[in-house]
Amino acid sequence: MISRPREANDYPDRVIDCQEAMEPGFQAIVDCMLEAAWSRGETLRSLKRLIAADNMTQKENARTETQLAIARAMMRAGKPL
């Protein structure tokens, strides 16, 4: 079970609390990868790449949503795309 934030809104130690909540799952992933014969370095580099790929995906999704919102607004205004 992953613990929830202490408060619904932002608070000074929220990121630390998130990190602590994530720690057991992180260790479980690393342990499983080591048991499957991947090295710790490979595992950590791969996790970094997954995080980077997720960040790029989120940016692209936001860019696409912005473009769609602009296109919808132009269509409502009767302007050609």
Protein backbone atom coordinates (compact mmCIF):
# COMPACT_ATOMS: atom_id res chain seq x y z
CA MET A 1 0.00 0.00 0.00
CA ILE A 2 1.34 3.39 -0.98
CA SER A 3 0.87 6.10 1.62
CA ARG A 4 -1.02 9.24 0.66
CA PRO A 5 0.17 12.83 1.11
CA ARG A 6 -0.43 14.24 4.59
CA GLU A 7 -2.38 17.15 3.08
CA ALA A 8 -4.37 17.65 -0.11
CA ASN A 9 -2.59 20.90 -0.93
CA ASP A 10 1.11 21.65 -1.35
CA TYR A 11 3.24 21.64 1.80
CA PRO A 12 7.00 21.96 2.42
CA ASP A 13 7.88 18.24 2.72
CA ARG A 14 5.43 16.91 0.13
CA VAL A 15 8.16 15.80 -2.32
CA ILE A 16 10.07 14.08 0.50
CA ASP A 17 6.87 12.31 1.56
CA CYS A 18 6.31 11.22 -2.07
CA GLN A 19 9.86 9.89 -2.24
CA GLU A 20 9.39 7.94 0.98
CA ALA A 21 6.09 6.50 -0.30
CA MET A 22 7.80 5.43 -3.53
CA GLU A 23 10.89 3.91 -1.91
CA PRO A 24 9.54 0.37 -1.27
CA GLY A 25 8.26 0.05 -4.85
CA PHE A 26 11.52 1.41 -6.23
CA GLN A 27 13.54 -1.10 -4.19
CA ALA A 28 11.24 -3.91 -5.36
CA ILE A 29 11.84 -2.95 -9.01
CA VAL A 30 15.60 -2.82 -8.51
CA ASP A 31 15.59 -6.14 -6.67
CA CYS A 32 13.54 -7.81 -9.43
CA MET A 33 15.89 -6.46 -12.10
CA LEU A 34 18.95 -7.72 -10.20
CA GLU A 35 17.34 -11.14 -9.80
CA ALA A 36 16.75 -11.19 -13.56
CA ALA A 37 20.52 -10.66 -14.06
CA TRP A 38 20.45 -6.96 -14.98
CA SER A 39 23.11 -4.88 -13.27
CA ARG A 40 22.29 -2.07 -10.86
CA GLY A 41 23.86 0.46 -13.25
CA GLU A 42 21.80 -0.79 -16.21
CA THR A 43 18.67 -0.70 -14.11
CA LEU A 44 19.22 2.84 -12.86
CA ARG A 45 20.18 4.14 -16.33
CA SER A 46 17.08 2.53 -17.77
CA LEU A 47 14.88 4.10 -15.10
CA LYS A 48 16.39 7.51 -15.90
CA ARG A 49 15.63 6.97 -19.59
CA LEU A 50 12.06 5.93 -18.80
CA ILE A 51 11.61 9.12 -16.77
CA ALA A 52 13.05 11.21 -19.61
CA ALA A 53 10.77 9.49 -22.14
CA ASP A 54 7.75 10.11 -19.92
CA ASN A 55 8.69 13.79 -19.60
CA MET A 56 8.95 14.11 -23.38
CA THR A 57 5.59 12.37 -23.81
CA GLN A 58 3.94 14.73 -21.33
CA LYS A 59 5.40 17.77 -23.13
CA GLU A 60 4.25 16.50 -26.52
CA ASN A 61 0.78 15.75 -25.16
CA ALA A 62 0.54 19.26 -23.73
CA ARG A 63 1.69 20.74 -27.04
CA THR A 64 -0.91 18.70 -28.94
CA GLU A 65 -3.67 19.73 -26.52
CA THR A 66 -2.71 23.38 -27.01
CA GLN A 67 -2.78 23.02 -30.79
CA LEU A 68 -6.17 21.32 -30.61
CA ALA A 69 -7.56 24.06 -28.38
CA ILE A 70 -6.35 26.73 -30.83
CA ALA A 71 -7.85 24.84 -33.79
CA ARG A 72 -11.19 24.46 -31.98
CA ALA A 73 -11.24 28.15 -31.09
CA MET A 74 -10.48 29.10 -34.70
CA MET A 75 -13.25 26.80 -35.95
CA ARG A 76 -15.75 28.33 -33.50
CA ALA A 77 -14.69 31.79 -34.68
CA GLY A 78 -15.24 30.71 -38.28
CA LYS A 79 -11.60 31.17 -39.24
CA PRO A 80 -9.92 28.72 -41.61
CA LEU A 81 -7.14 26.56 -40.22
